[in-house]
Amino acid sequence: MGGVRAAKRCFNEHERVLELDPNRHDAALVVGTYRYLIASLPVHMRMLAYVAGFGGGKDRGIALLEKAAAGGGEARTDAMFALVLVYNRERRYDDALRVLRQLREMYPRNRLVTLEQGSTALRAGRAAEAETLLSEGLAAMARETRVRIPGEEQLWRYKRGAARAQLGRTDALDDLRAATGAGAQSWVAGRARVEVGRLALKRADRGAAATEARQAETLCRQGNDPACVIEARALLRSASGH
């Protein structure tokens, strides 16, 4: 309850800031984030949030985030990253890619922006664009001297492997196998095994597809990735002829 009270106070005070000065982009970022998140909650939780005094409104929340991203000041970058998440969630991939291109110009050394750019292109069904971006990112990472996030190379290889699989390229399997190697996060290895299983199914190798599906489900459970668990089970059903 203490957290709820603090959040409600934060929301109310930033709403008041916008009443006094609509050009305060930091306040637009906070209020826009709250409004979008509240509007995205399940109905019963959303009603509780309204009772507690929070305002919702998905479109209004996005508009406030866009306003903060278009303005100057310290809030701009945070708002742009928030918009990438929101646009992806809303399947507005063209908008997400537009913001990512701007972020890449602003932060050319941030390879994770390139990773998200390639991932978004993959979600949008633009496998060729995704493959190009991810190959550029992998080449840059090979020259990188800064610390990597745990399992970063495997994540890149999974994403590029998935793009190459969509393109029907034979080298997709090399990337996907590398993505299951030592150091990979469980969910990454699980998702890569789903892709390997799908390739096996295309070759009519149901046994290999079933094996990959079972291993993928275990890994995705370990990685707390329920969406991947569902995909692994669907692959197993397909491999079993159901």
C-alpha atoms as a PDB file:
ATOM      1  CA  MET A   1       0.000   0.000   0.000  1.00  0.00           C
ATOM      2  CA  GLY A   2       2.930   2.297   0.648  1.00  0.00           C
ATOM      3  CA  GLY A   3       4.071   1.764  -2.921  1.00  0.00           C
ATOM      4  CA  VAL A   4       0.586   2.485  -4.268  1.00  0.00           C
ATOM      5  CA  ARG A   5       0.354   5.708  -2.287  1.00  0.00           C
ATOM      6  CA  ALA A   6       3.763   6.852  -3.536  1.00  0.00           C
ATOM      7  CA  ALA A   7       2.849   6.006  -7.140  1.00  0.00           C
ATOM      8  CA  LYS A   8      -0.497   7.806  -6.868  1.00  0.00           C
ATOM      9  CA  ARG A   9       1.214  10.885  -5.446  1.00  0.00           C
ATOM     10  CA  CYS A  10       3.762  10.788  -8.273  1.00  0.00           C
ATOM     11  CA  PHE A  11       0.988  10.522 -10.860  1.00  0.00           C
ATOM     12  CA  ASN A  12      -1.091  13.325  -9.343  1.00  0.00           C
ATOM     13  CA  GLU A  13       1.815  15.729  -8.947  1.00  0.00           C
ATOM     14  CA  HIS A  14       3.009  15.220 -12.517  1.00  0.00           C
ATOM     15  CA  GLU A  15      -0.557  15.738 -13.750  1.00  0.00           C
ATOM     16  CA  ARG A  16      -0.532  19.033 -11.851  1.00  0.00           C
ATOM     17  CA  VAL A  17       2.790  19.968 -13.461  1.00  0.00           C
ATOM     18  CA  LEU A  18       1.224  19.464 -16.910  1.00  0.00           C
ATOM     19  CA  GLU A  19      -1.711  21.652 -15.913  1.00  0.00           C
ATOM     20  CA  LEU A  20       0.699  24.421 -14.954  1.00  0.00           C
ATOM     21  CA  ASP A  21       3.074  23.937 -17.888  1.00  0.00           C
ATOM     22  CA  PRO A  22       2.048  21.589 -20.743  1.00  0.00           C
ATOM     23  CA  ASN A  23       5.592  21.825 -22.147  1.00  0.00           C
ATOM     24  CA  ARG A  24       7.225  19.999 -19.247  1.00  0.00           C
ATOM     25  CA  HIS A  25       8.272  16.910 -21.173  1.00  0.00           C
ATOM     26  CA  ASP A  26       9.544  15.019 -18.117  1.00  0.00           C
ATOM     27  CA  ALA A  27       6.042  15.172 -16.638  1.00  0.00           C
ATOM     28  CA  ALA A  28       4.536  14.029 -19.955  1.00  0.00           C
ATOM     29  CA  LEU A  29       6.843  11.009 -19.856  1.00  0.00           C
ATOM     30  CA  VAL A  30       5.740   9.989 -16.351  1.00  0.00           C
ATOM     31  CA  VAL A  31       2.017  10.581 -16.873  1.00  0.00           C
ATOM     32  CA  GLY A  32       2.051   8.988 -20.323  1.00  0.00           C
ATOM     33  CA  THR A  33       3.776   5.880 -19.003  1.00  0.00           C
ATOM     34  CA  TYR A  34       1.292   5.528 -16.149  1.00  0.00           C
ATOM     35  CA  ARG A  35      -1.726   6.055 -18.388  1.00  0.00           C
ATOM     36  CA  TYR A  36      -0.577   3.505 -20.953  1.00  0.00           C
ATOM     37  CA  LEU A  37       0.281   0.898 -18.329  1.00  0.00           C
ATOM     38  CA  ILE A  38      -2.998   1.332 -16.470  1.00  0.00           C
ATOM     39  CA  ALA A  39      -4.977   1.050 -19.711  1.00  0.00           C
ATOM     40  CA  SER A  40      -3.081  -2.159 -20.572  1.00  0.00           C
ATOM     41  CA  LEU A  41      -3.952  -3.965 -17.324  1.00  0.00           C
ATOM     42  CA  PRO A  42      -6.585  -6.726 -17.178  1.00  0.00           C
ATOM     43  CA  VAL A  43     -10.074  -5.356 -16.531  1.00  0.00           C
ATOM     44  CA  HIS A  44     -10.253  -6.242 -12.816  1.00  0.00           C
ATOM     45  CA  MET A  45      -6.849  -4.711 -12.095  1.00  0.00           C
ATOM     46  CA  ARG A  46      -7.670  -1.677 -14.211  1.00  0.00           C
ATOM     47  CA  MET A  47     -10.827  -1.043 -12.191  1.00  0.00           C
ATOM     48  CA  LEU A  48      -8.842  -1.255  -8.940  1.00  0.00           C
ATOM     49  CA  ALA A  49      -6.353   1.261 -10.345  1.00  0.00           C
ATOM     50  CA  TYR A  50      -9.186   3.637 -11.233  1.00  0.00           C
ATOM     51  CA  VAL A  51     -10.638   3.298  -7.730  1.00  0.00           C
ATOM     52  CA  ALA A  52      -7.187   4.075  -6.316  1.00  0.00           C
ATOM     53  CA  GLY A  53      -7.177   7.315  -8.307  1.00  0.00           C
ATOM     54  CA  PHE A  54      -5.030   6.488 -11.341  1.00  0.00           C
ATOM     55  CA  GLY A  55      -6.062   7.686 -14.774  1.00  0.00           C
ATOM     56  CA  GLY A  56      -5.870   5.462 -17.822  1.00  0.00           C
ATOM     57  CA  GLY A  57      -6.303   5.989 -21.533  1.00  0.00           C
ATOM     58  CA  LYS A  58      -4.020   4.133 -23.916  1.00  0.00           C
ATOM     59  CA  ASP A  59      -4.198   6.657 -26.761  1.00  0.00           C
ATOM     60  CA  ARG A  60      -3.689   9.580 -24.406  1.00  0.00           C
ATOM     61  CA  GLY A  61      -0.739   7.828 -22.810  1.00  0.00           C
ATOM     62  CA  ILE A  62       0.916   7.209 -26.181  1.00  0.00           C
ATOM     63  CA  ALA A  63       0.291  10.812 -27.206  1.00  0.00           C
ATOM     64  CA  LEU A  64       2.028  12.056 -24.050  1.00  0.00           C
ATOM     65  CA  LEU A  65       5.003   9.761 -24.680  1.00  0.00           C
ATOM     66  CA  GLU A  66       5.216  11.027 -28.255  1.00  0.00           C
ATOM     67  CA  LYS A  67       5.140  14.593 -26.969  1.00  0.00           C
ATOM     68  CA  ALA A  68       8.002  13.865 -24.554  1.00  0.00           C
ATOM     69  CA  ALA A  69       9.990  12.115 -27.300  1.00  0.00           C
ATOM     70  CA  ALA A  70       9.554  15.065 -29.663  1.00  0.00           C
ATOM     71  CA  GLY A  71      10.722  17.599 -27.066  1.00  0.00           C
ATOM     72  CA  GLY A  72      14.165  18.353 -25.780  1.00  0.00           C
ATOM     73  CA  GLY A  73      15.723  17.789 -22.409  1.00  0.00           C
ATOM     74  CA  GLU A  74      16.667  14.731 -20.411  1.00  0.00           C
ATOM     75  CA  ALA A  75      13.270  13.060 -20.841  1.00  0.00           C
ATOM     76  CA  ARG A  76      13.595  12.674 -24.609  1.00  0.00           C
ATOM     77  CA  THR A  77      15.744   9.556 -24.722  1.00  0.00           C
ATOM     78  CA  ASP A  78      13.731   7.766 -22.026  1.00  0.00           C
ATOM     79  CA  ALA A  79      10.521   8.615 -23.876  1.00  0.00           C
ATOM     80  CA  MET A  80      11.926   7.296 -27.147  1.00  0.00           C
ATOM     81  CA  PHE A  81      12.907   3.979 -25.596  1.00  0.00           C
ATOM     82  CA  ALA A  82       9.473   3.773 -23.963  1.00  0.00           C
ATOM     83  CA  LEU A  83       7.853   4.366 -27.345  1.00  0.00           C
ATOM     84  CA  VAL A  84       9.862   1.531 -28.895  1.00  0.00           C
ATOM     85  CA  LEU A  85       8.388  -0.830 -26.303  1.00  0.00           C
ATOM     86  CA  VAL A  86       4.875   0.554 -26.697  1.00  0.00           C
ATOM     87  CA  TYR A  87       4.908   0.562 -30.497  1.00  0.00           C
ATOM     88  CA  ASN A  88       6.138  -3.040 -30.545  1.00  0.00           C
ATOM     89  CA  ARG A  89       3.426  -4.047 -28.095  1.00  0.00           C
ATOM     90  CA  GLU A  90       0.826  -2.332 -30.280  1.00  0.00           C
ATOM     91  CA  ARG A  91       2.321  -3.936 -33.418  1.00  0.00           C
ATOM     92  CA  ARG A  92       3.117  -0.490 -34.826  1.00  0.00           C
ATOM     93  CA  TYR A  93       6.403  -1.748 -36.195  1.00  0.00           C
ATOM     94  CA  ASP A  94       6.957   1.040 -38.730  1.00  0.00           C
ATOM     95  CA  ASP A  95       6.720   3.598 -35.931  1.00  0.00           C
ATOM     96  CA  ALA A  96       9.050   1.551 -33.719  1.00  0.00           C
ATOM     97  CA  LEU A  97      11.629   1.273 -36.512  1.00  0.00           C
ATOM     98  CA  ARG A  98      11.421   5.005 -37.158  1.00  0.00           C
ATOM     99  CA  VAL A  99      12.235   5.768 -33.517  1.00  0.00           C
ATOM    100  CA  LEU A 100      15.002   3.163 -33.480  1.00  0.00           C
ATOM    101  CA  ARG A 101      16.641   4.753 -36.516  1.00  0.00           C
ATOM    102  CA  GLN A 102      16.654   8.065 -34.651  1.00  0.00           C
ATOM    103  CA  LEU A 103      18.142   6.426 -31.555  1.00  0.00           C
ATOM    104  CA  ARG A 104      20.832   4.774 -33.634  1.00  0.00           C
ATOM    105  CA  GLU A 105      21.822   8.158 -35.051  1.00  0.00           C
ATOM    106  CA  MET A 106      21.925   9.594 -31.532  1.00  0.00           C
ATOM    107  CA  TYR A 107      23.855   6.668 -30.039  1.00  0.00           C
ATOM    108  CA  PRO A 108      25.843   5.036 -32.860  1.00  0.00           C
ATOM    109  CA  ARG A 109      27.996   2.995 -30.463  1.00  0.00           C
ATOM    110  CA  ASN A 110      25.056   1.456 -28.619  1.00  0.00           C
ATOM    111  CA  ARG A 111      24.929  -1.966 -30.248  1.00  0.00           C
ATOM    112  CA  LEU A 112      21.796  -2.951 -28.294  1.00  0.00           C
ATOM    113  CA  VAL A 113      19.850  -0.344 -30.267  1.00  0.00           C
ATOM    114  CA  THR A 114      20.915  -2.205 -33.409  1.00  0.00           C
ATOM    115  CA  LEU A 115      19.868  -5.490 -31.803  1.00  0.00           C
ATOM    116  CA  GLU A 116      16.405  -4.107 -31.073  1.00  0.00           C
ATOM    117  CA  GLN A 117      16.200  -2.617 -34.567  1.00  0.00           C
ATOM    118  CA  GLY A 118      16.877  -6.038 -36.074  1.00  0.00           C
ATOM    119  CA  SER A 119      14.481  -7.730 -33.655  1.00  0.00           C
ATOM    120  CA  THR A 120      11.715  -5.275 -34.522  1.00  0.00           C
ATOM    121  CA  ALA A 121      12.252  -5.807 -38.241  1.00  0.00           C
ATOM    122  CA  LEU A 122      11.970  -9.550 -37.587  1.00  0.00           C
ATOM    123  CA  ARG A 123       8.670  -9.067 -35.721  1.00  0.00           C
ATOM    124  CA  ALA A 124       7.437  -6.991 -38.656  1.00  0.00           C
ATOM    125  CA  GLY A 125       8.126  -9.883 -41.042  1.00  0.00           C
ATOM    126  CA  ARG A 126      11.027  -8.088 -42.729  1.00  0.00           C
ATOM    127  CA  ALA A 127      13.483 -10.937 -42.487  1.00  0.00           C
ATOM    128  CA  ALA A 128      15.947  -9.588 -45.069  1.00  0.00           C
ATOM    129  CA  GLU A 129      16.174  -6.213 -43.319  1.00  0.00           C
ATOM    130  CA  ALA A 130      16.526  -7.959 -39.957  1.00  0.00           C
ATOM    131  CA  GLU A 131      19.312 -10.206 -41.248  1.00  0.00           C
ATOM    132  CA  THR A 132      21.266  -7.241 -42.582  1.00  0.00           C
ATOM    133  CA  LEU A 133      20.956  -5.265 -39.347  1.00  0.00           C
ATOM    134  CA  LEU A 134      21.861  -8.227 -37.153  1.00  0.00           C
ATOM    135  CA  SER A 135      24.867  -9.114 -39.308  1.00  0.00           C
ATOM    136  CA  GLU A 136      26.077  -5.520 -38.993  1.00  0.00           C
ATOM    137  CA  GLY A 137      25.622  -5.705 -35.232  1.00  0.00           C
ATOM    138  CA  LEU A 138      27.485  -8.996 -34.929  1.00  0.00           C
ATOM    139  CA  ALA A 139      30.374  -7.603 -36.958  1.00  0.00           C
ATOM    140  CA  ALA A 140      30.495  -4.547 -34.673  1.00  0.00           C
ATOM    141  CA  MET A 141      30.345  -6.719 -31.581  1.00  0.00           C
ATOM    142  CA  ALA A 142      33.345  -8.719 -32.785  1.00  0.00           C
ATOM    143  CA  ARG A 143      35.365  -5.485 -32.718  1.00  0.00           C
ATOM    144  CA  GLU A 144      33.906  -4.373 -29.395  1.00  0.00           C
ATOM    145  CA  THR A 145      36.110  -4.029 -26.306  1.00  0.00           C
ATOM    146  CA  ARG A 146      33.370  -3.100 -23.854  1.00  0.00           C
ATOM    147  CA  VAL A 147      31.748  -5.624 -21.541  1.00  0.00           C
ATOM    148  CA  ARG A 148      28.978  -7.740 -23.028  1.00  0.00           C
ATOM    149  CA  ILE A 149      25.739  -8.648 -21.333  1.00  0.00           C
ATOM    150  CA  PRO A 150      25.545 -12.327 -20.224  1.00  0.00           C
ATOM    151  CA  GLY A 151      24.746 -14.528 -23.193  1.00  0.00           C
ATOM    152  CA  GLU A 152      24.760 -11.583 -25.599  1.00  0.00           C
ATOM    153  CA  GLU A 153      26.397 -13.312 -28.552  1.00  0.00           C
ATOM    154  CA  GLN A 154      23.964 -16.224 -28.297  1.00  0.00           C
ATOM    155  CA  LEU A 155      21.068 -13.760 -28.319  1.00  0.00           C
ATOM    156  CA  TRP A 156      22.360 -12.105 -31.487  1.00  0.00           C
ATOM    157  CA  ARG A 157      22.902 -15.497 -33.136  1.00  0.00           C
ATOM    158  CA  TYR A 158      19.370 -16.626 -32.237  1.00  0.00           C
ATOM    159  CA  LYS A 159      17.833 -13.502 -33.737  1.00  0.00           C
ATOM    160  CA  ARG A 160      19.882 -13.726 -36.933  1.00  0.00           C
ATOM    161  CA  GLY A 161      19.258 -17.454 -37.150  1.00  0.00           C
ATOM    162  CA  ALA A 162      15.516 -16.867 -36.941  1.00  0.00           C
ATOM    163  CA  ALA A 163      15.750 -14.249 -39.692  1.00  0.00           C
ATOM    164  CA  ARG A 164      17.796 -16.565 -41.897  1.00  0.00           C
ATOM    165  CA  ALA A 165      15.340 -19.400 -41.261  1.00  0.00           C
ATOM    166  CA  GLN A 166      12.508 -17.174 -42.512  1.00  0.00           C
ATOM    167  CA  LEU A 167      14.572 -16.472 -45.613  1.00  0.00           C
ATOM    168  CA  GLY A 168      15.151 -20.182 -46.166  1.00  0.00           C
ATOM    169  CA  ARG A 169      18.923 -19.864 -45.857  1.00  0.00           C
ATOM    170  CA  THR A 170      20.916 -22.989 -45.104  1.00  0.00           C
ATOM    171  CA  ASP A 171      23.262 -21.137 -42.729  1.00  0.00           C
ATOM    172  CA  ALA A 172      20.386 -20.482 -40.342  1.00  0.00           C
ATOM    173  CA  LEU A 173      21.119 -23.728 -38.539  1.00  0.00           C
ATOM    174  CA  ASP A 174      24.693 -22.652 -37.741  1.00  0.00           C
ATOM    175  CA  ASP A 175      23.421 -19.541 -35.965  1.00  0.00           C
ATOM    176  CA  LEU A 176      20.670 -21.391 -34.128  1.00  0.00           C
ATOM    177  CA  ARG A 177      23.028 -24.116 -32.911  1.00  0.00           C
ATOM    178  CA  ALA A 178      25.456 -21.449 -31.700  1.00  0.00           C
ATOM    179  CA  ALA A 179      22.571 -19.808 -29.825  1.00  0.00           C
ATOM    180  CA  THR A 180      22.129 -22.962 -27.730  1.00  0.00           C
ATOM    181  CA  GLY A 181      25.792 -23.098 -26.706  1.00  0.00           C
ATOM    182  CA  ALA A 182      27.460 -22.524 -23.361  1.00  0.00           C
ATOM    183  CA  GLY A 183      26.580 -19.218 -21.773  1.00  0.00           C
ATOM    184  CA  ALA A 184      23.204 -18.866 -23.460  1.00  0.00           C
ATOM    185  CA  GLN A 185      20.269 -17.683 -21.380  1.00  0.00           C
ATOM    186  CA  SER A 186      17.721 -20.485 -20.938  1.00  0.00           C
ATOM    187  CA  TRP A 187      14.953 -18.683 -22.811  1.00  0.00           C
ATOM    188  CA  VAL A 188      17.291 -17.870 -25.709  1.00  0.00           C
ATOM    189  CA  ALA A 189      18.424 -21.487 -26.008  1.00  0.00           C
ATOM    190  CA  GLY A 190      14.806 -22.609 -25.757  1.00  0.00           C
ATOM    191  CA  ARG A 191      13.611 -20.297 -28.515  1.00  0.00           C
ATOM    192  CA  ALA A 192      16.554 -21.294 -30.703  1.00  0.00           C
ATOM    193  CA  ARG A 193      15.645 -24.958 -30.250  1.00  0.00           C
ATOM    194  CA  VAL A 194      12.080 -24.201 -31.321  1.00  0.00           C
ATOM    195  CA  GLU A 195      13.482 -22.760 -34.550  1.00  0.00           C
ATOM    196  CA  VAL A 196      15.768 -25.781 -35.010  1.00  0.00           C
ATOM    197  CA  GLY A 197      12.767 -28.043 -34.491  1.00  0.00           C
ATOM    198  CA  ARG A 198      10.772 -26.171 -37.114  1.00  0.00           C
ATOM    199  CA  LEU A 199      13.602 -26.608 -39.602  1.00  0.00           C
ATOM    200  CA  ALA A 200      13.649 -30.338 -38.795  1.00  0.00           C
ATOM    201  CA  LEU A 201       9.907 -30.504 -39.388  1.00  0.00           C
ATOM    202  CA  LYS A 202      10.364 -28.876 -42.795  1.00  0.00           C
ATOM    203  CA  ARG A 203      12.784 -31.703 -43.606  1.00  0.00           C
ATOM    204  CA  ALA A 204      10.075 -34.155 -42.466  1.00  0.00           C
ATOM    205  CA  ASP A 205      12.325 -35.293 -39.602  1.00  0.00           C
ATOM    206  CA  ARG A 206       9.602 -35.601 -36.988  1.00  0.00           C
ATOM    207  CA  GLY A 207      11.827 -37.384 -34.481  1.00  0.00           C
ATOM    208  CA  ALA A 208      14.384 -34.585 -34.406  1.00  0.00           C
ATOM    209  CA  ALA A 209      11.622 -31.980 -34.259  1.00  0.00           C
ATOM    210  CA  ALA A 210      10.033 -33.701 -31.258  1.00  0.00           C
ATOM    211  CA  THR A 211      13.378 -33.912 -29.463  1.00  0.00           C
ATOM    212  CA  GLU A 212      14.038 -30.219 -30.000  1.00  0.00           C
ATOM    213  CA  ALA A 213      10.509 -29.362 -28.865  1.00  0.00           C
ATOM    214  CA  ARG A 214      10.887 -31.243 -25.585  1.00  0.00           C
ATOM    215  CA  GLN A 215      14.249 -29.663 -24.853  1.00  0.00           C
ATOM    216  CA  ALA A 216      12.883 -26.242 -25.806  1.00  0.00           C
ATOM    217  CA  GLU A 217       9.929 -26.554 -23.414  1.00  0.00           C
ATOM    218  CA  THR A 218      12.251 -27.410 -20.511  1.00  0.00           C
ATOM    219  CA  LEU A 219      14.588 -24.513 -21.275  1.00  0.00           C
ATOM    220  CA  CYS A 220      11.765 -22.033 -21.730  1.00  0.00           C
ATOM    221  CA  ARG A 221      10.248 -23.053 -18.420  1.00  0.00           C
ATOM    222  CA  GLN A 222      13.609 -22.478 -16.782  1.00  0.00           C
ATOM    223  CA  GLY A 223      13.806 -19.080 -18.490  1.00  0.00           C
ATOM    224  CA  ASN A 224      10.273 -18.094 -17.418  1.00  0.00           C
ATOM    225  CA  ASP A 225       9.169 -17.648 -21.041  1.00  0.00           C
ATOM    226  CA  PRO A 226       5.524 -18.853 -21.226  1.00  0.00           C
ATOM    227  CA  ALA A 227       5.101 -17.759 -24.847  1.00  0.00           C
ATOM    228  CA  CYS A 228       8.018 -19.985 -25.834  1.00  0.00           C
ATOM    229  CA  VAL A 229       6.549 -22.884 -23.835  1.00  0.00           C
ATOM    230  CA  ILE A 230       3.363 -22.575 -25.886  1.00  0.00           C
ATOM    231  CA  GLU A 231       5.367 -22.570 -29.133  1.00  0.00           C
ATOM    232  CA  ALA A 232       7.360 -25.614 -28.021  1.00  0.00           C
ATOM    233  CA  ARG A 233       4.177 -27.538 -27.220  1.00  0.00           C
ATOM    234  CA  ALA A 234       2.682 -26.598 -30.576  1.00  0.00           C
ATOM    235  CA  LEU A 235       5.836 -27.843 -32.296  1.00  0.00           C
ATOM    236  CA  LEU A 236       5.642 -31.127 -30.375  1.00  0.00           C
ATOM    237  CA  ARG A 237       2.032 -31.615 -31.435  1.00  0.00           C
ATOM    238  CA  SER A 238       2.986 -30.981 -35.056  1.00  0.00           C
ATOM    239  CA  ALA A 239       5.908 -33.383 -34.800  1.00  0.00           C
ATOM    240  CA  SER A 240       3.599 -36.019 -33.304  1.00  0.00           C
ATOM    241  CA  GLY A 241       1.114 -35.610 -36.124  1.00  0.00           C
ATOM    242  CA  HIS A 242      -1.628 -34.028 -33.966  1.00  0.00           C
END
